[in-house]
Amino acid sequence: MTTPAWQPLPRARTYELVLDRIEEQIWAGNLTVGDRLPPERDLAAMLGVSRAAIREALRVLEAQGVLRKPQVGTGPESGSIIAGTPSAGLTRLLRLHVALANFPLADVVAARSTLERASARLAATNAKKDDLDRVRSPLERMDDPQLSREMFNDLDTEFHVAIARAGGNRMMADLTTAMRNSMRIALLTAFSRIDDWPPVAEALRRDHHAIYDAVAAGDPDAAELRVQDHIHGFYQQIARDLLDPRGPG
């Protein structure tokens, strides 16, 4: 396989072309997790562009979670490092995309349901003891009736993300994390508008325990069904009227 070399770039849309060249190096296997990019000065010379264009491209990649900044400012150790966990950038991008695109809440819920049903099936099939321990931890903390609604929401997210990770599919886990975090504010808003919170919280706890029991029992059909009932039940009974006056259409 022929790997692309660093080649000078034309100056039109320079920072985007810099992004393209860095992406080529990643796809070619010349840059992997933990590798450093050349220092800004060297990279600018290699590509025949200004350092300003390099900085702009690096800022984009840092915002996306692809790069992390070096600990030193100059010299051979100053190049940005390829990050191993870009899920934070994916979360940020998806959260903004969901907000700006103004999707009907029903569309977001349907996408989340599809993703998390698949995650639950995988978890029921693949989860090991350590995975189940990580799923059970937020579940047990959520049983505290004195939890604030915000903490309940955060533990709810941790629970669903732990199930996705227990499935063993890293991409699905990252997508689930991004989807859940993109809905964090909407879910917390729904929680805050519920007048009689304790029975709602108790119903959600029962749902979560039922999901966990199905995953722990290694029953993928039951796990998928429990997740579907949980997500759609909460939306249909509570969140739809509080957050999306257009309804499910």
Protein backbone atom coordinates (compact mmCIF):
# COMPACT_ATOMS: atom_id res chain seq x y z
CA MET A 1 0.00 0.00 0.00
CA THR A 2 1.40 3.40 -1.03
CA THR A 3 1.14 5.96 1.75
CA PRO A 4 0.68 9.62 0.86
CA ALA A 5 3.57 11.98 1.55
CA TRP A 6 3.21 15.44 3.01
CA GLN A 7 2.80 17.68 -0.04
CA PRO A 8 2.58 21.48 -0.32
CA LEU A 9 -0.96 22.81 -0.63
CA PRO A 10 -2.58 25.49 -2.78
CA ARG A 11 -3.64 28.48 -0.72
CA ALA A 12 -7.41 28.45 -1.43
CA ARG A 13 -9.40 27.26 1.63
CA THR A 14 -6.08 26.51 3.21
CA TYR A 15 -7.10 25.35 6.68
CA GLU A 16 -9.65 22.91 5.19
CA LEU A 17 -6.96 21.50 2.94
CA VAL A 18 -4.71 21.12 5.98
CA LEU A 19 -7.50 19.13 7.62
CA ASP A 20 -7.71 16.94 4.51
CA ARG A 21 -3.96 16.22 4.60
CA ILE A 22 -4.00 15.30 8.29
CA GLU A 23 -6.98 13.03 7.70
CA GLU A 24 -5.10 11.35 4.84
CA GLN A 25 -2.19 10.63 7.16
CA ILE A 26 -4.53 9.08 9.73
CA TRP A 27 -6.29 6.89 7.17
CA ALA A 28 -2.95 5.80 5.72
CA GLY A 29 -1.79 4.67 9.16
CA ASN A 30 1.03 7.20 9.29
CA LEU A 31 -0.60 8.81 12.33
CA THR A 32 -2.15 6.70 15.07
CA VAL A 33 -3.35 7.25 18.62
CA GLY A 34 -0.59 8.76 20.75
CA ASP A 35 1.47 10.04 17.79
CA ARG A 36 2.47 13.68 17.61
CA LEU A 37 1.93 15.92 14.64
CA PRO A 38 5.03 17.81 13.55
CA PRO A 39 5.43 21.17 15.35
CA GLU A 40 3.46 24.02 13.81
CA ARG A 41 6.51 25.61 12.16
CA ASP A 42 7.59 22.31 10.56
CA LEU A 43 4.06 21.39 9.47
CA ALA A 44 3.59 24.80 7.87
CA ALA A 45 6.84 24.38 5.93
CA MET A 46 5.98 20.82 4.86
CA LEU A 47 2.59 21.87 3.51
CA GLY A 48 3.66 25.25 2.16
CA VAL A 49 1.08 27.21 4.14
CA SER A 50 1.05 29.82 6.89
CA ARG A 51 1.24 28.95 10.57
CA ALA A 52 -2.12 30.71 10.97
CA ALA A 53 -3.73 28.13 8.65
CA ILE A 54 -2.10 25.32 10.65
CA ARG A 55 -3.37 26.77 13.94
CA GLU A 56 -6.90 27.10 12.59
CA ALA A 57 -6.94 23.48 11.41
CA LEU A 58 -5.55 22.27 14.75
CA ARG A 59 -8.20 24.21 16.65
CA VAL A 60 -10.90 22.45 14.62
CA LEU A 61 -9.41 19.03 15.34
CA GLU A 62 -9.01 19.83 19.05
CA ALA A 63 -12.67 20.90 19.23
CA GLN A 64 -13.63 17.61 17.59
CA GLY A 65 -11.60 15.66 20.15
CA VAL A 66 -9.19 14.30 17.53
CA LEU A 67 -6.17 16.14 18.97
CA ARG A 68 -5.05 17.18 22.42
CA LYS A 69 -2.67 20.01 23.11
CA PRO A 70 0.96 19.29 24.01
CA GLN A 71 2.29 19.96 27.49
CA VAL A 72 5.23 21.99 26.20
CA GLY A 73 5.17 25.04 24.00
CA THR A 74 8.17 24.73 21.67
CA GLY A 75 10.67 22.27 20.28
CA PRO A 76 10.31 18.71 18.93
CA GLU A 77 7.85 17.77 21.70
CA SER A 78 5.46 20.62 20.87
CA GLY A 79 3.32 18.87 18.25
CA SER A 80 -0.33 18.14 19.07
CA ILE A 81 -1.07 14.53 19.99
CA ILE A 82 -3.61 12.24 18.29
CA ALA A 83 -6.23 11.52 20.94
CA GLY A 84 -7.38 7.99 21.75
CA THR A 85 -10.86 8.89 22.94
CA PRO A 86 -12.56 11.39 20.60
CA SER A 87 -16.00 10.62 22.07
CA ALA A 88 -16.07 13.97 23.89
CA GLY A 89 -15.75 15.78 20.57
CA LEU A 90 -18.43 13.56 19.03
CA THR A 91 -20.71 14.36 21.97
CA ARG A 92 -20.20 18.09 21.53
CA LEU A 93 -20.81 17.99 17.79
CA LEU A 94 -23.94 15.85 18.10
CA ARG A 95 -25.33 17.98 20.92
CA LEU A 96 -24.95 21.14 18.83
CA HIS A 97 -26.31 19.41 15.72
CA VAL A 98 -29.41 18.24 17.58
CA ALA A 99 -29.95 21.71 19.01
CA LEU A 100 -29.41 23.64 15.79
CA ALA A 101 -31.29 21.28 13.49
CA ASN A 102 -34.36 21.55 15.73
CA PHE A 103 -35.33 17.91 15.21
CA PRO A 104 -38.73 16.93 16.59
CA LEU A 105 -38.15 15.25 19.92
CA ALA A 106 -39.93 12.16 18.57
CA ASP A 107 -37.21 11.78 15.91
CA VAL A 108 -34.45 12.00 18.50
CA VAL A 109 -36.24 9.50 20.75
CA ALA A 110 -36.68 7.06 17.87
CA ALA A 111 -32.99 7.28 16.98
CA ARG A 112 -32.00 6.80 20.61
CA SER A 113 -34.34 3.82 20.95
CA THR A 114 -32.90 2.12 17.87
CA LEU A 115 -29.34 2.58 19.11
CA GLU A 116 -29.96 1.55 22.71
CA ARG A 117 -32.02 -1.52 21.80
CA ALA A 118 -29.05 -2.79 19.81
CA SER A 119 -26.71 -1.92 22.70
CA ALA A 120 -28.87 -3.85 25.16
CA ARG A 121 -28.88 -6.93 22.93
CA LEU A 122 -25.11 -6.85 22.68
CA ALA A 123 -24.72 -6.31 26.42
CA ALA A 124 -26.98 -9.27 27.21
CA THR A 125 -24.86 -11.41 24.90
CA ASN A 126 -21.37 -10.17 25.72
CA ALA A 127 -21.29 -8.58 29.20
CA LYS A 128 -18.79 -9.97 31.67
CA LYS A 129 -18.90 -9.66 35.47
CA ASP A 130 -16.88 -6.42 35.47
CA ASP A 131 -19.24 -4.97 32.87
CA LEU A 132 -22.27 -5.86 34.97
CA ASP A 133 -20.65 -4.29 38.02
CA ARG A 134 -20.24 -1.04 36.09
CA VAL A 135 -23.90 -1.16 35.02
CA ARG A 136 -25.10 -1.94 38.55
CA SER A 137 -23.13 0.87 40.23
CA PRO A 138 -25.21 3.84 38.96
CA LEU A 139 -28.34 1.69 39.31
CA GLU A 140 -27.74 1.24 43.03
CA ARG A 141 -26.91 4.91 43.56
CA MET A 142 -30.10 5.88 41.73
CA ASP A 143 -32.12 3.99 44.35
CA ASP A 144 -31.44 6.77 46.87
CA PRO A 145 -34.77 8.64 47.19
CA GLN A 146 -32.93 11.79 48.33
CA LEU A 147 -31.10 12.26 45.02
CA SER A 148 -31.55 15.58 43.28
CA ARG A 149 -33.18 15.44 39.88
CA GLU A 150 -29.93 16.57 38.26
CA MET A 151 -27.94 13.78 39.93
CA PHE A 152 -30.64 11.28 39.01
CA ASN A 153 -30.35 12.40 35.39
CA ASP A 154 -26.55 12.07 35.42
CA LEU A 155 -26.73 8.56 36.91
CA ASP A 156 -29.42 7.66 34.37
CA THR A 157 -26.99 8.63 31.61
CA GLU A 158 -24.16 6.70 33.27
CA PHE A 159 -26.37 3.61 33.47
CA HIS A 160 -27.29 3.63 29.78
CA VAL A 161 -23.72 4.37 28.69
CA ALA A 162 -22.44 1.48 30.84
CA ILE A 163 -24.84 -0.88 29.07
CA ALA A 164 -23.60 0.32 25.68
CA ARG A 165 -19.98 -0.23 26.72
CA ALA A 166 -20.82 -3.66 28.11
CA GLY A 167 -21.85 -4.70 24.60
CA GLY A 168 -18.24 -4.49 23.46
CA ASN A 169 -18.90 -2.33 20.38
CA ARG A 170 -16.81 0.81 20.91
CA MET A 171 -18.43 2.81 18.12
CA MET A 172 -21.90 2.03 19.41
CA ALA A 173 -20.78 3.00 22.91
CA ASP A 174 -19.43 6.34 21.68
CA LEU A 175 -22.60 7.03 19.71
CA THR A 176 -24.74 6.15 22.73
CA THR A 177 -22.65 8.45 24.92
CA ALA A 178 -23.01 11.27 22.40
CA MET A 179 -26.75 10.71 21.97
CA ARG A 180 -27.40 10.57 25.72
CA ASN A 181 -25.34 13.69 26.38
CA SER A 182 -27.02 15.53 23.52
CA MET A 183 -30.34 14.95 25.32
CA ARG A 184 -29.09 15.78 28.82
CA ILE A 185 -30.55 19.28 29.00
CA ALA A 186 -33.86 18.21 27.45
CA LEU A 187 -34.25 15.34 29.92
CA LEU A 188 -33.31 17.52 32.89
CA THR A 189 -35.82 20.11 31.70
CA ALA A 190 -38.51 17.41 31.59
CA PHE A 191 -37.56 16.21 35.08
CA SER A 192 -37.72 19.76 36.45
CA ARG A 193 -41.25 20.29 35.07
CA ILE A 194 -42.72 17.18 36.68
CA ASP A 195 -44.91 18.25 39.59
CA ASP A 196 -45.06 14.89 41.37
CA TRP A 197 -41.50 13.63 40.96
CA PRO A 198 -41.21 10.70 43.46
CA PRO A 199 -43.56 8.27 41.67
CA VAL A 200 -41.98 9.10 38.30
CA ALA A 201 -38.51 8.47 39.70
CA GLU A 202 -39.68 5.19 41.20
CA ALA A 203 -41.12 4.07 37.85
CA LEU A 204 -37.84 4.89 36.13
CA ARG A 205 -35.95 2.91 38.78
CA ARG A 206 -38.17 -0.11 38.13
CA ASP A 207 -37.50 0.20 34.41
CA HIS A 208 -33.76 0.36 35.00
CA HIS A 209 -33.74 -2.66 37.29
CA ALA A 210 -35.77 -4.62 34.71
CA ILE A 211 -33.25 -3.72 32.00
CA TYR A 212 -30.35 -4.74 34.22
CA ASP A 213 -31.99 -8.02 35.18
CA ALA A 214 -32.50 -8.94 31.51
CA VAL A 215 -28.89 -8.05 30.63
CA ALA A 216 -27.52 -9.94 33.65
CA ALA A 217 -29.65 -12.96 32.75
CA GLY A 218 -28.15 -12.99 29.25
CA ASP A 219 -31.56 -12.56 27.60
CA PRO A 220 -31.09 -10.27 24.55
CA ASP A 221 -34.77 -10.31 23.52
CA ALA A 222 -35.93 -9.25 26.97
CA ALA A 223 -33.18 -6.65 27.28
CA GLU A 224 -34.15 -5.07 23.96
CA LEU A 225 -37.84 -5.05 24.86
CA ARG A 226 -37.22 -3.53 28.30
CA VAL A 227 -35.16 -0.70 26.81
CA GLN A 228 -37.78 -0.01 24.15
CA ASP A 229 -40.60 0.09 26.70
CA HIS A 230 -38.54 2.31 29.00
CA ILE A 231 -37.61 4.92 26.39
CA HIS A 232 -40.94 5.10 24.60
CA GLY A 233 -42.93 4.85 27.81
CA PHE A 234 -41.21 7.87 29.37
CA TYR A 235 -41.56 9.90 26.20
CA GLN A 236 -45.21 9.04 25.56
CA GLN A 237 -46.36 9.43 29.16
CA ILE A 238 -44.28 12.40 30.31
CA ALA A 239 -41.68 14.04 28.12
CA ARG A 240 -43.71 14.59 24.94
CA ASP A 241 -46.14 17.09 26.40
CA LEU A 242 -43.45 18.81 28.48
CA LEU A 243 -40.86 19.24 25.75
CA ASP A 244 -42.40 18.83 22.31
CA PRO A 245 -45.82 20.42 21.86
CA ARG A 246 -45.87 19.21 18.24
CA GLY A 247 -46.26 15.69 19.57
CA PRO A 248 -44.90 12.59 17.85
CA GLY A 249 -45.72 13.63 14.31
